[in-house]
């Protein structure tokens, strides 16, 4: 073997030669072109001399995309009567590296705890940070749900003075101006680290 061919721990870029099919089996992160095994991604080579397999593991974290069932943390950017737009900040425990927008519908908000979801402004407000679940992602549109006790608003500001609202039993109260506001809060309100 000469140069980088067949060596573990070597940094490679897409298209770089890693080995030949006469000596190795193509593994994860590789492709074959004219009998030559080449890197498909930016990463580090791993050569298993026992199984004769050559692989490339990503050097950088691959981007995370919201998928059906994913839990996201997002910031509400606009609220209308039946729809709210949410800028997705985190997917699971990883920061979103893309610009993803989710849609929260009045029909996907849990109406328990005395919140009337006929008007979505009783459940979320612009600026709120929420935890939600991805229900659907057809055509690149992420439909979100806050149904369930662990989903909902985890951080909110007073719409009157901008102070952080405190949870008192089932309502949010401003410690500064004493205004009481309604939201569909998560059981983790004020506890989540963003």
N, C-alpha and C. Protein backbone atom coordinates (compact mmCIF):
# COMPACT_ATOMS: atom_id res chain seq x y z
N UNK A 1 0.84 -1.18 0.00
CA UNK A 1 0.00 0.00 0.00
C UNK A 1 0.89 1.24 0.00
N UNK A 2 0.50 2.19 -0.83
CA UNK A 2 1.31 3.40 -0.89
C UNK A 2 0.49 4.61 -0.47
N UNK A 3 1.12 5.63 0.07
CA UNK A 3 0.45 6.88 0.44
C UNK A 3 -0.64 6.66 1.47
N UNK A 4 -1.84 7.20 1.16
CA UNK A 4 -2.94 7.15 2.10
C UNK A 4 -3.78 5.89 1.98
N UNK A 5 -3.54 5.11 0.95
CA UNK A 5 -4.38 3.94 0.71
C UNK A 5 -4.26 2.93 1.84
N UNK A 6 -5.43 2.54 2.40
CA UNK A 6 -5.47 1.50 3.42
C UNK A 6 -4.99 1.90 4.79
N UNK A 7 -4.93 3.17 5.11
CA UNK A 7 -4.42 3.63 6.39
C UNK A 7 -5.54 4.22 7.25
N UNK A 8 -5.64 3.80 8.51
CA UNK A 8 -6.64 4.34 9.42
C UNK A 8 -6.22 5.69 9.96
N UNK A 9 -7.22 6.52 10.33
CA UNK A 9 -6.95 7.79 10.97
C UNK A 9 -6.56 8.91 10.03
N UNK A 10 -6.64 8.68 8.74
CA UNK A 10 -6.26 9.69 7.76
C UNK A 10 -7.44 10.60 7.46
N UNK A 11 -7.24 11.91 7.49
CA UNK A 11 -8.27 12.88 7.13
C UNK A 11 -8.44 12.84 5.61
N UNK A 12 -9.68 12.69 5.15
CA UNK A 12 -9.96 12.63 3.71
C UNK A 12 -11.11 13.56 3.34
N UNK A 13 -11.14 13.92 2.07
CA UNK A 13 -12.22 14.75 1.54
C UNK A 13 -12.96 13.96 0.47
N UNK A 14 -14.16 14.39 0.07
CA UNK A 14 -14.91 13.64 -0.94
C UNK A 14 -14.09 13.44 -2.22
N UNK A 15 -14.12 12.22 -2.71
CA UNK A 15 -13.42 11.87 -3.94
C UNK A 15 -12.01 11.34 -3.74
N UNK A 16 -11.47 11.49 -2.54
CA UNK A 16 -10.10 11.05 -2.28
C UNK A 16 -10.02 9.52 -2.26
N UNK A 17 -8.96 8.99 -2.86
CA UNK A 17 -8.74 7.55 -2.94
C UNK A 17 -8.39 6.99 -1.56
N UNK A 18 -9.09 5.87 -1.20
CA UNK A 18 -8.86 5.23 0.09
C UNK A 18 -8.30 3.82 -0.09
N UNK A 19 -8.72 3.17 -1.14
CA UNK A 19 -8.28 1.80 -1.40
C UNK A 19 -8.78 1.33 -2.75
N UNK A 20 -8.55 0.06 -3.03
CA UNK A 20 -9.04 -0.53 -4.29
C UNK A 20 -9.87 -1.76 -3.96
N UNK A 21 -10.83 -2.09 -4.83
CA UNK A 21 -11.75 -3.19 -4.53
C UNK A 21 -11.07 -4.55 -4.55
N UNK A 22 -9.88 -4.65 -5.12
CA UNK A 22 -9.15 -5.92 -5.09
C UNK A 22 -8.62 -6.21 -3.68
N UNK A 23 -8.42 -5.17 -2.86
CA UNK A 23 -7.86 -5.35 -1.52
C UNK A 23 -8.87 -5.13 -0.40
N UNK A 24 -9.89 -4.30 -0.63
CA UNK A 24 -10.82 -3.93 0.43
C UNK A 24 -12.28 -4.01 -0.01
N UNK A 25 -13.14 -4.09 1.00
CA UNK A 25 -14.59 -4.00 0.80
C UNK A 25 -14.99 -2.57 1.12
N UNK A 26 -15.81 -2.02 0.29
CA UNK A 26 -16.28 -0.65 0.50
C UNK A 26 -17.24 -0.62 1.69
N UNK A 27 -17.03 0.32 2.62
CA UNK A 27 -17.88 0.46 3.80
C UNK A 27 -18.58 1.80 3.85
N UNK A 28 -19.10 2.12 5.02
CA UNK A 28 -19.84 3.36 5.27
C UNK A 28 -19.00 4.59 4.90
N UNK A 29 -19.65 5.56 4.22
CA UNK A 29 -18.98 6.81 3.88
C UNK A 29 -18.07 6.73 2.67
N UNK A 30 -18.22 5.65 1.87
CA UNK A 30 -17.37 5.49 0.69
C UNK A 30 -18.21 5.14 -0.54
N UNK A 31 -17.58 5.23 -1.70
CA UNK A 31 -18.19 4.78 -2.95
C UNK A 31 -17.09 4.22 -3.84
N UNK A 32 -17.49 3.48 -4.88
CA UNK A 32 -16.52 2.89 -5.80
C UNK A 32 -16.64 3.56 -7.15
N UNK A 33 -15.47 3.92 -7.74
CA UNK A 33 -15.42 4.51 -9.06
C UNK A 33 -14.27 3.86 -9.82
N UNK A 34 -14.58 3.11 -10.86
CA UNK A 34 -13.57 2.41 -11.68
C UNK A 34 -12.64 1.55 -10.84
N UNK A 35 -13.21 0.79 -9.88
CA UNK A 35 -12.42 -0.11 -9.06
C UNK A 35 -11.69 0.54 -7.90
N UNK A 36 -11.82 1.85 -7.76
CA UNK A 36 -11.16 2.58 -6.68
C UNK A 36 -12.21 2.97 -5.64
N UNK A 37 -11.90 2.68 -4.37
CA UNK A 37 -12.78 3.09 -3.26
C UNK A 37 -12.39 4.51 -2.88
N UNK A 38 -13.40 5.40 -2.90
CA UNK A 38 -13.16 6.81 -2.63
C UNK A 38 -14.07 7.29 -1.49
N UNK A 39 -13.64 8.36 -0.84
CA UNK A 39 -14.42 8.94 0.25
C UNK A 39 -15.64 9.66 -0.32
N UNK A 40 -16.78 9.45 0.34
CA UNK A 40 -18.02 10.13 -0.04
C UNK A 40 -18.19 11.42 0.77
N UNK A 41 -17.50 11.53 1.90
CA UNK A 41 -17.69 12.64 2.82
C UNK A 41 -16.36 13.16 3.35
N UNK A 42 -16.40 14.29 4.03
CA UNK A 42 -15.23 14.79 4.76
C UNK A 42 -15.18 14.01 6.07
N UNK A 43 -14.06 13.36 6.32
CA UNK A 43 -13.99 12.56 7.54
C UNK A 43 -12.65 11.91 7.76
N UNK A 44 -12.68 10.87 8.59
CA UNK A 44 -11.48 10.13 8.97
C UNK A 44 -11.65 8.68 8.57
N UNK A 45 -10.59 8.11 8.00
CA UNK A 45 -10.65 6.72 7.55
C UNK A 45 -10.53 5.74 8.72
N UNK A 46 -11.17 4.60 8.55
CA UNK A 46 -11.03 3.49 9.48
C UNK A 46 -10.90 2.23 8.64
N UNK A 47 -9.79 1.55 8.79
CA UNK A 47 -9.52 0.35 8.02
C UNK A 47 -9.54 -0.85 8.95
N UNK A 48 -10.41 -1.81 8.67
CA UNK A 48 -10.47 -3.05 9.43
C UNK A 48 -9.70 -4.10 8.64
N UNK A 49 -8.49 -4.42 9.10
CA UNK A 49 -7.64 -5.36 8.36
C UNK A 49 -8.11 -6.80 8.47
N UNK A 50 -8.94 -7.11 9.47
CA UNK A 50 -9.48 -8.47 9.61
C UNK A 50 -10.57 -8.72 8.57
N UNK A 51 -11.54 -7.80 8.51
CA UNK A 51 -12.64 -7.97 7.55
C UNK A 51 -12.32 -7.36 6.19
N UNK A 52 -11.22 -6.64 6.11
CA UNK A 52 -10.76 -5.97 4.88
C UNK A 52 -11.75 -4.91 4.41
N UNK A 53 -12.38 -4.24 5.40
CA UNK A 53 -13.35 -3.20 5.08
C UNK A 53 -12.74 -1.83 5.35
N UNK A 54 -13.01 -0.88 4.46
CA UNK A 54 -12.54 0.49 4.63
C UNK A 54 -13.76 1.41 4.72
N UNK A 55 -13.75 2.31 5.73
CA UNK A 55 -14.87 3.21 5.99
C UNK A 55 -14.37 4.62 6.21
N UNK A 56 -15.30 5.58 6.13
CA UNK A 56 -14.98 6.97 6.46
C UNK A 56 -16.07 7.45 7.41
N UNK A 57 -15.63 7.95 8.57
CA UNK A 57 -16.56 8.50 9.55
C UNK A 57 -16.52 10.01 9.47
N UNK A 58 -17.70 10.66 9.56
CA UNK A 58 -17.75 12.12 9.42
C UNK A 58 -16.87 12.83 10.43
N UNK A 59 -16.17 13.83 9.97
CA UNK A 59 -15.30 14.65 10.82
C UNK A 59 -16.13 15.71 11.52
N UNK A 60 -17.14 16.17 10.83
CA UNK A 60 -18.03 17.18 11.39
C UNK A 60 -19.38 16.55 11.65
N UNK A 61 -20.12 17.14 12.57
CA UNK A 61 -21.46 16.64 12.85
C UNK A 61 -22.33 16.86 11.62
N UNK A 62 -23.05 15.83 11.26
CA UNK A 62 -23.96 15.95 10.14
C UNK A 62 -25.16 16.78 10.59
N UNK A 63 -25.72 17.58 9.67
CA UNK A 63 -26.87 18.39 10.05
C UNK A 63 -28.04 17.52 10.50
N UNK A 64 -28.80 18.04 11.45
CA UNK A 64 -29.97 17.34 11.96
C UNK A 64 -31.20 18.00 11.36
N UNK A 65 -32.13 17.17 10.92
CA UNK A 65 -33.38 17.67 10.36
C UNK A 65 -34.53 17.21 11.23
N UNK A 66 -35.55 18.05 11.38
CA UNK A 66 -36.72 17.61 12.14
C UNK A 66 -37.40 16.44 11.42
N UNK A 67 -37.69 15.41 12.15
CA UNK A 67 -38.38 14.24 11.60
C UNK A 67 -39.64 14.00 12.42
N UNK A 68 -40.57 13.26 11.84
CA UNK A 68 -41.80 12.93 12.55
C UNK A 68 -41.42 12.23 13.86
N UNK A 69 -41.96 12.72 14.97
CA UNK A 69 -41.66 12.16 16.28
C UNK A 69 -40.57 12.90 17.02
N UNK A 70 -39.80 13.76 16.32
CA UNK A 70 -38.73 14.53 16.98
C UNK A 70 -39.33 15.53 17.97
N UNK A 71 -38.61 15.73 19.08
CA UNK A 71 -38.97 16.79 20.01
C UNK A 71 -38.11 17.99 19.66
N UNK A 72 -38.74 19.15 19.55
CA UNK A 72 -38.01 20.36 19.20
C UNK A 72 -38.21 21.42 20.27
N UNK A 73 -37.26 22.35 20.32
CA UNK A 73 -37.43 23.57 21.10
C UNK A 73 -37.41 24.69 20.08
N UNK A 74 -38.38 25.58 20.16
CA UNK A 74 -38.46 26.66 19.18
C UNK A 74 -38.99 27.93 19.79
N UNK A 75 -38.83 29.01 19.03
CA UNK A 75 -39.35 30.30 19.46
C UNK A 75 -40.50 30.70 18.55
N UNK A 76 -41.61 31.06 19.17
CA UNK A 76 -42.78 31.49 18.42
C UNK A 76 -42.47 32.86 17.84
N UNK A 77 -42.63 33.00 16.51
CA UNK A 77 -42.31 34.27 15.86
C UNK A 77 -43.55 35.04 15.42
N UNK A 78 -44.67 34.34 15.23
CA UNK A 78 -45.90 35.02 14.83
C UNK A 78 -47.08 34.15 15.24
N UNK A 79 -48.15 34.79 15.71
CA UNK A 79 -49.35 34.06 16.13
C UNK A 79 -50.57 34.72 15.52
N UNK A 80 -51.38 33.92 14.86
CA UNK A 80 -52.68 34.35 14.37
C UNK A 80 -53.73 33.57 15.15
N UNK A 81 -54.98 33.67 14.78
CA UNK A 81 -56.04 33.02 15.54
C UNK A 81 -55.91 31.50 15.54
N UNK A 82 -55.56 30.89 14.39
CA UNK A 82 -55.52 29.43 14.29
C UNK A 82 -54.16 28.86 13.92
N UNK A 83 -53.15 29.71 13.77
CA UNK A 83 -51.83 29.23 13.34
C UNK A 83 -50.73 30.07 13.99
N UNK A 84 -49.63 29.40 14.34
CA UNK A 84 -48.46 30.10 14.87
C UNK A 84 -47.22 29.59 14.14
N UNK A 85 -46.32 30.48 13.82
CA UNK A 85 -45.06 30.11 13.19
C UNK A 85 -43.99 30.01 14.27
N UNK A 86 -43.19 28.93 14.18
CA UNK A 86 -42.17 28.65 15.21
C UNK A 86 -40.82 28.47 14.53
N UNK A 87 -39.83 29.24 14.96
CA UNK A 87 -38.46 29.08 14.49
C UNK A 87 -37.82 27.96 15.31
N UNK A 88 -37.44 26.85 14.66
CA UNK A 88 -36.90 25.69 15.36
C UNK A 88 -35.44 25.94 15.73
N UNK A 89 -35.16 25.92 17.05
CA UNK A 89 -33.82 26.20 17.57
C UNK A 89 -33.04 24.93 17.88
N UNK A 90 -33.72 23.92 18.40
CA UNK A 90 -33.07 22.65 18.77
C UNK A 90 -33.94 21.49 18.30
N UNK A 91 -33.27 20.44 17.88
CA UNK A 91 -33.93 19.20 17.50
C UNK A 91 -33.34 18.13 18.40
N UNK A 92 -34.17 17.59 19.29
CA UNK A 92 -33.64 16.69 20.31
C UNK A 92 -32.72 17.48 21.21
N UNK A 93 -31.49 17.00 21.38
CA UNK A 93 -30.53 17.73 22.22
C UNK A 93 -29.48 18.47 21.40
N UNK A 94 -29.70 18.55 20.08
CA UNK A 94 -28.74 19.21 19.20
C UNK A 94 -29.29 20.52 18.64
N UNK A 95 -28.45 21.52 18.55
CA UNK A 95 -28.85 22.81 17.98
C UNK A 95 -29.16 22.63 16.50
N UNK A 96 -30.18 23.31 16.04
CA UNK A 96 -30.54 23.28 14.63
C UNK A 96 -29.50 24.06 13.85
N UNK A 97 -28.91 23.46 12.85
CA UNK A 97 -27.91 24.15 12.04
C UNK A 97 -28.52 24.75 10.79
N UNK A 98 -29.79 24.44 10.57
CA UNK A 98 -30.49 25.00 9.42
C UNK A 98 -31.52 26.00 9.88
N UNK A 99 -32.22 26.52 8.92
CA UNK A 99 -33.29 27.46 9.23
C UNK A 99 -34.61 26.74 8.99
N UNK A 100 -35.17 26.19 10.05
CA UNK A 100 -36.41 25.44 9.94
C UNK A 100 -37.53 26.18 10.64
N UNK A 101 -38.69 26.20 9.99
CA UNK A 101 -39.86 26.83 10.58
C UNK A 101 -40.93 25.77 10.75
N UNK A 102 -41.51 25.73 11.93
CA UNK A 102 -42.61 24.82 12.21
C UNK A 102 -43.91 25.59 12.29
N UNK A 103 -45.00 24.86 12.12
CA UNK A 103 -46.33 25.46 12.21
C UNK A 103 -47.09 24.77 13.33
N UNK A 104 -47.59 25.56 14.24
CA UNK A 104 -48.43 25.07 15.32
C UNK A 104 -49.86 25.49 15.00
N UNK A 105 -50.74 24.52 14.92
CA UNK A 105 -52.13 24.80 14.59
C UNK A 105 -52.98 24.76 15.85
N UNK A 106 -54.08 25.48 15.85
CA UNK A 106 -54.97 25.48 17.02
C UNK A 106 -55.50 24.08 17.29
N UNK A 107 -55.56 23.23 16.27
CA UNK A 107 -56.05 21.86 16.43
C UNK A 107 -55.00 20.92 17.00
N UNK A 108 -53.72 21.35 17.06
CA UNK A 108 -52.65 20.48 17.57
C UNK A 108 -52.16 20.94 18.94
N UNK A 109 -52.91 21.85 19.57
CA UNK A 109 -52.58 22.32 20.91
C UNK A 109 -53.52 21.63 21.88
N UNK A 110 -52.98 21.12 22.95
CA UNK A 110 -53.79 20.46 23.98
C UNK A 110 -54.64 21.52 24.67
N UNK A 111 -55.94 21.33 24.66
CA UNK A 111 -56.83 22.31 25.25
C UNK A 111 -57.13 22.12 26.71
N UNK A 112 -56.47 21.19 27.38
CA UNK A 112 -56.71 21.00 28.81
C UNK A 112 -56.16 22.17 29.62
N UNK A 113 -56.36 22.14 30.91
CA UNK A 113 -55.91 23.18 31.85
C UNK A 113 -56.64 24.50 31.61
N UNK A 114 -57.87 24.44 31.09
CA UNK A 114 -58.69 25.64 30.97
C UNK A 114 -58.32 26.57 29.83
N UNK A 115 -57.47 26.13 28.92
CA UNK A 115 -57.08 26.99 27.81
C UNK A 115 -58.01 26.74 26.62
N UNK A 116 -58.60 27.79 26.13
CA UNK A 116 -59.49 27.68 24.97
C UNK A 116 -58.66 27.90 23.72
N UNK A 117 -58.53 26.88 22.90
CA UNK A 117 -57.66 26.99 21.73
C UNK A 117 -58.40 27.45 20.49
N UNK A 118 -59.58 27.99 20.65
CA UNK A 118 -60.26 28.59 19.51
C UNK A 118 -59.43 29.77 19.02
N UNK A 119 -58.71 30.41 19.93
CA UNK A 119 -57.79 31.49 19.59
C UNK A 119 -56.42 31.09 20.12
N UNK A 120 -55.50 30.84 19.22
CA UNK A 120 -54.17 30.35 19.57
C UNK A 120 -53.40 31.32 20.47
N UNK A 121 -53.80 32.58 20.49
CA UNK A 121 -53.13 33.56 21.35
C UNK A 121 -53.36 33.28 22.84
N UNK A 122 -54.30 32.38 23.15
CA UNK A 122 -54.50 31.94 24.53
C UNK A 122 -53.55 30.80 24.90
N UNK A 123 -52.82 30.27 23.93
CA UNK A 123 -51.91 29.15 24.18
C UNK A 123 -50.45 29.54 24.04
N UNK A 124 -50.13 30.39 23.06
CA UNK A 124 -48.75 30.85 22.83
C UNK A 124 -48.79 32.30 22.37
N UNK A 125 -47.66 32.97 22.57
CA UNK A 125 -47.51 34.36 22.10
C UNK A 125 -46.16 34.49 21.41
N UNK A 126 -46.04 35.47 20.56
CA UNK A 126 -44.77 35.75 19.89
C UNK A 126 -43.69 35.97 20.95
N UNK A 127 -42.55 35.34 20.75
CA UNK A 127 -41.43 35.45 21.70
C UNK A 127 -41.34 34.28 22.66
N UNK A 128 -42.44 33.54 22.85
CA UNK A 128 -42.42 32.38 23.74
C UNK A 128 -41.46 31.31 23.22
N UNK A 129 -40.83 30.60 24.14
CA UNK A 129 -40.02 29.43 23.81
C UNK A 129 -40.87 28.22 24.16
N UNK A 130 -40.99 27.30 23.20
CA UNK A 130 -41.85 26.13 23.40
C UNK A 130 -41.09 24.83 23.16
N UNK A 131 -41.62 23.77 23.76
CA UNK A 131 -41.19 22.40 23.45
C UNK A 131 -42.37 21.78 22.71
N UNK A 132 -42.10 21.19 21.56
CA UNK A 132 -43.17 20.60 20.76
C UNK A 132 -42.68 19.32 20.11
N UNK A 133 -43.63 18.58 19.58
CA UNK A 133 -43.34 17.33 18.88
C UNK A 133 -43.69 17.52 17.41
N UNK A 134 -42.85 16.99 16.50
CA UNK A 134 -43.12 17.08 15.07
C UNK A 134 -44.13 16.00 14.71
N UNK A 135 -45.30 16.42 14.22
CA UNK A 135 -46.35 15.48 13.82
C UNK A 135 -46.24 15.06 12.37
N UNK A 136 -45.80 15.99 11.53
CA UNK A 136 -45.82 15.76 10.09
C UNK A 136 -44.75 16.64 9.46
N UNK A 137 -44.16 16.18 8.37
CA UNK A 137 -43.20 17.02 7.65
C UNK A 137 -43.37 16.91 6.15
N UNK A 138 -44.60 16.87 5.68
CA UNK A 138 -44.85 16.79 4.24
C UNK A 138 -44.48 18.09 3.56
N UNK A 139 -43.85 17.97 2.41
CA UNK A 139 -43.46 19.12 1.59
C UNK A 139 -42.58 20.11 2.33
N UNK A 140 -41.79 19.64 3.29
CA UNK A 140 -40.89 20.52 4.02
C UNK A 140 -41.57 21.43 5.02
N UNK A 141 -42.85 21.17 5.29
CA UNK A 141 -43.59 21.95 6.28
C UNK A 141 -43.69 21.09 7.53
N UNK A 142 -43.19 21.60 8.65
CA UNK A 142 -43.16 20.85 9.89
C UNK A 142 -44.36 21.24 10.75
N UNK A 143 -45.32 20.32 10.86
CA UNK A 143 -46.50 20.54 11.69
C UNK A 143 -46.15 20.10 13.11
N UNK A 144 -46.34 21.00 14.07
CA UNK A 144 -45.95 20.76 15.46
C UNK A 144 -47.17 20.56 16.35
N UNK A 145 -46.94 19.87 17.47
CA UNK A 145 -47.99 19.66 18.46
C UNK A 145 -47.44 19.94 19.85
N UNK A 146 -48.29 20.55 20.69
CA UNK A 146 -47.93 20.74 22.09
C UNK A 146 -48.86 19.93 22.99
N UNK A 147 -49.53 18.93 22.43
CA UNK A 147 -50.40 18.06 23.22
C UNK A 147 -49.55 17.20 24.15
N UNK A 148 -49.95 17.11 25.39
CA UNK A 148 -49.21 16.34 26.38
C UNK A 148 -48.58 17.26 27.40
N UNK A 149 -48.40 16.75 28.60
CA UNK A 149 -47.94 17.60 29.70
C UNK A 149 -46.51 18.11 29.55
N UNK A 150 -45.64 17.35 28.86
CA UNK A 150 -44.25 17.82 28.75
C UNK A 150 -44.05 18.82 27.61
N UNK A 151 -45.08 19.01 26.80
CA UNK A 151 -45.00 19.94 25.67
C UNK A 151 -45.74 21.23 25.99
N UNK A 152 -45.25 22.33 25.43
CA UNK A 152 -45.88 23.63 25.62
C UNK A 152 -44.83 24.69 25.87
N UNK A 153 -45.27 25.81 26.41
CA UNK A 153 -44.39 26.95 26.66
C UNK A 153 -43.48 26.63 27.85
N UNK A 154 -42.16 26.87 27.66
CA UNK A 154 -41.20 26.67 28.75
C UNK A 154 -40.59 27.99 29.22
N UNK A 155 -40.86 29.06 28.47
CA UNK A 155 -40.30 30.37 28.81
C UNK A 155 -41.17 31.43 28.14
N UNK A 156 -41.65 32.40 28.89
CA UNK A 156 -42.51 33.44 28.33
C UNK A 156 -42.23 34.78 28.99
N UNK A 157 -42.44 35.83 28.23
CA UNK A 157 -42.29 37.19 28.73
C UNK A 157 -43.64 37.85 28.84
N UNK A 158 -43.77 38.73 29.80
CA UNK A 158 -45.00 39.51 29.99
C UNK A 158 -45.23 40.36 28.74
N UNK A 159 -46.44 40.32 28.20
CA UNK A 159 -46.73 41.11 27.01
C UNK A 159 -46.92 42.58 27.33
N UNK A 160 -46.97 42.92 28.61
CA UNK A 160 -47.12 44.31 29.03
C UNK A 160 -45.77 44.97 29.29
N UNK A 161 -44.91 44.35 30.13
CA UNK A 161 -43.65 45.00 30.53
C UNK A 161 -42.39 44.23 30.10
N UNK A 162 -42.54 43.02 29.60
CA UNK A 162 -41.39 42.26 29.11
C UNK A 162 -40.64 41.46 30.16
N UNK A 163 -41.12 41.43 31.39
CA UNK A 163 -40.50 40.66 32.47
C UNK A 163 -40.78 39.16 32.25
N UNK A 164 -39.89 38.30 32.75
CA UNK A 164 -40.11 36.86 32.65
C UNK A 164 -41.29 36.47 33.52
N UNK A 165 -42.25 35.75 32.92
CA UNK A 165 -43.44 35.33 33.66
C UNK A 165 -43.11 34.15 34.57
N UNK A 166 -43.71 34.14 35.75
CA UNK A 166 -43.52 33.05 36.70
C UNK A 166 -44.78 32.21 36.75
N UNK A 167 -44.60 30.90 36.88
CA UNK A 167 -45.73 29.98 36.93
C UNK A 167 -46.25 29.90 38.36
N UNK A 168 -47.54 30.18 38.52
CA UNK A 168 -48.22 30.05 39.80
C UNK A 168 -49.40 29.12 39.58
N UNK A 169 -49.26 27.88 40.02
CA UNK A 169 -50.27 26.83 39.81
C UNK A 169 -50.48 26.62 38.32
N UNK A 170 -51.59 27.09 37.77
CA UNK A 170 -51.86 26.86 36.35
C UNK A 170 -51.83 28.13 35.53
N UNK A 171 -51.35 29.24 36.10
CA UNK A 171 -51.34 30.49 35.36
C UNK A 171 -49.96 31.13 35.44
N UNK A 172 -49.71 32.03 34.52
CA UNK A 172 -48.45 32.75 34.49
C UNK A 172 -48.68 34.17 35.00
N UNK A 173 -47.81 34.61 35.89
CA UNK A 173 -47.97 35.93 36.49
C UNK A 173 -46.66 36.69 36.39
N UNK A 174 -46.78 37.97 36.08
CA UNK A 174 -45.61 38.83 35.99
C UNK A 174 -45.25 39.32 37.39
N UNK A 175 -44.00 39.11 37.82
CA UNK A 175 -43.60 39.56 39.16
C UNK A 175 -43.47 41.08 39.25
N UNK A 176 -43.38 41.76 38.13
CA UNK A 176 -43.19 43.20 38.12
C UNK A 176 -44.52 43.96 38.08
N UNK A 177 -45.33 43.70 37.04
CA UNK A 177 -46.57 44.47 36.88
C UNK A 177 -47.81 43.70 37.34
N UNK A 178 -47.60 42.44 37.79
CA UNK A 178 -48.67 41.58 38.34
C UNK A 178 -49.71 41.14 37.30
N UNK A 179 -49.43 41.34 36.03
CA UNK A 179 -50.33 40.91 34.97
C UNK A 179 -50.39 39.38 34.94
N UNK A 180 -51.57 38.81 34.72
CA UNK A 180 -51.75 37.36 34.61
C UNK A 180 -52.03 37.04 33.14
N UNK A 181 -51.30 36.06 32.62
CA UNK A 181 -51.47 35.67 31.22
C UNK A 181 -51.70 34.17 31.11
N UNK A 182 -52.31 33.79 30.00
CA UNK A 182 -52.62 32.39 29.76
C UNK A 182 -51.72 31.83 28.68
N UNK A 183 -51.25 30.61 28.90
CA UNK A 183 -50.46 29.88 27.92
C UNK A 183 -50.73 28.40 28.11
N UNK A 184 -50.40 27.60 27.13
CA UNK A 184 -50.39 26.14 27.29
C UNK A 184 -48.97 25.84 27.74
N UNK A 185 -48.76 25.74 29.05
CA UNK A 185 -47.42 25.56 29.59
C UNK A 185 -47.01 24.09 29.64
N UNK A 186 -45.73 23.88 29.54
CA UNK A 186 -45.13 22.56 29.72
C UNK A 186 -44.98 22.30 31.21
N UNK A 187 -44.95 21.02 31.57
CA UNK A 187 -44.69 20.66 32.97
C UNK A 187 -43.27 21.06 33.36
N UNK A 188 -42.44 21.40 32.37
CA UNK A 188 -41.07 21.83 32.61
C UNK A 188 -40.90 23.34 32.49
N UNK A 189 -41.99 24.10 32.64
CA UNK A 189 -41.90 25.56 32.51
C UNK A 189 -40.85 26.10 33.49
N UNK A 190 -39.93 26.89 32.95
CA UNK A 190 -38.89 27.51 33.77
C UNK A 190 -37.76 26.59 34.18
N UNK A 191 -37.84 25.31 33.83
CA UNK A 191 -36.80 24.34 34.25
C UNK A 191 -35.86 23.98 33.11
N UNK A 192 -36.29 24.15 31.88
CA UNK A 192 -35.47 23.71 30.75
C UNK A 192 -34.36 24.67 30.46
N UNK A 193 -33.20 24.14 30.15
CA UNK A 193 -32.06 24.93 29.72
C UNK A 193 -32.06 24.93 28.20
N UNK A 194 -32.02 26.11 27.64
CA UNK A 194 -32.10 26.22 26.18
C UNK A 194 -30.72 26.15 25.58
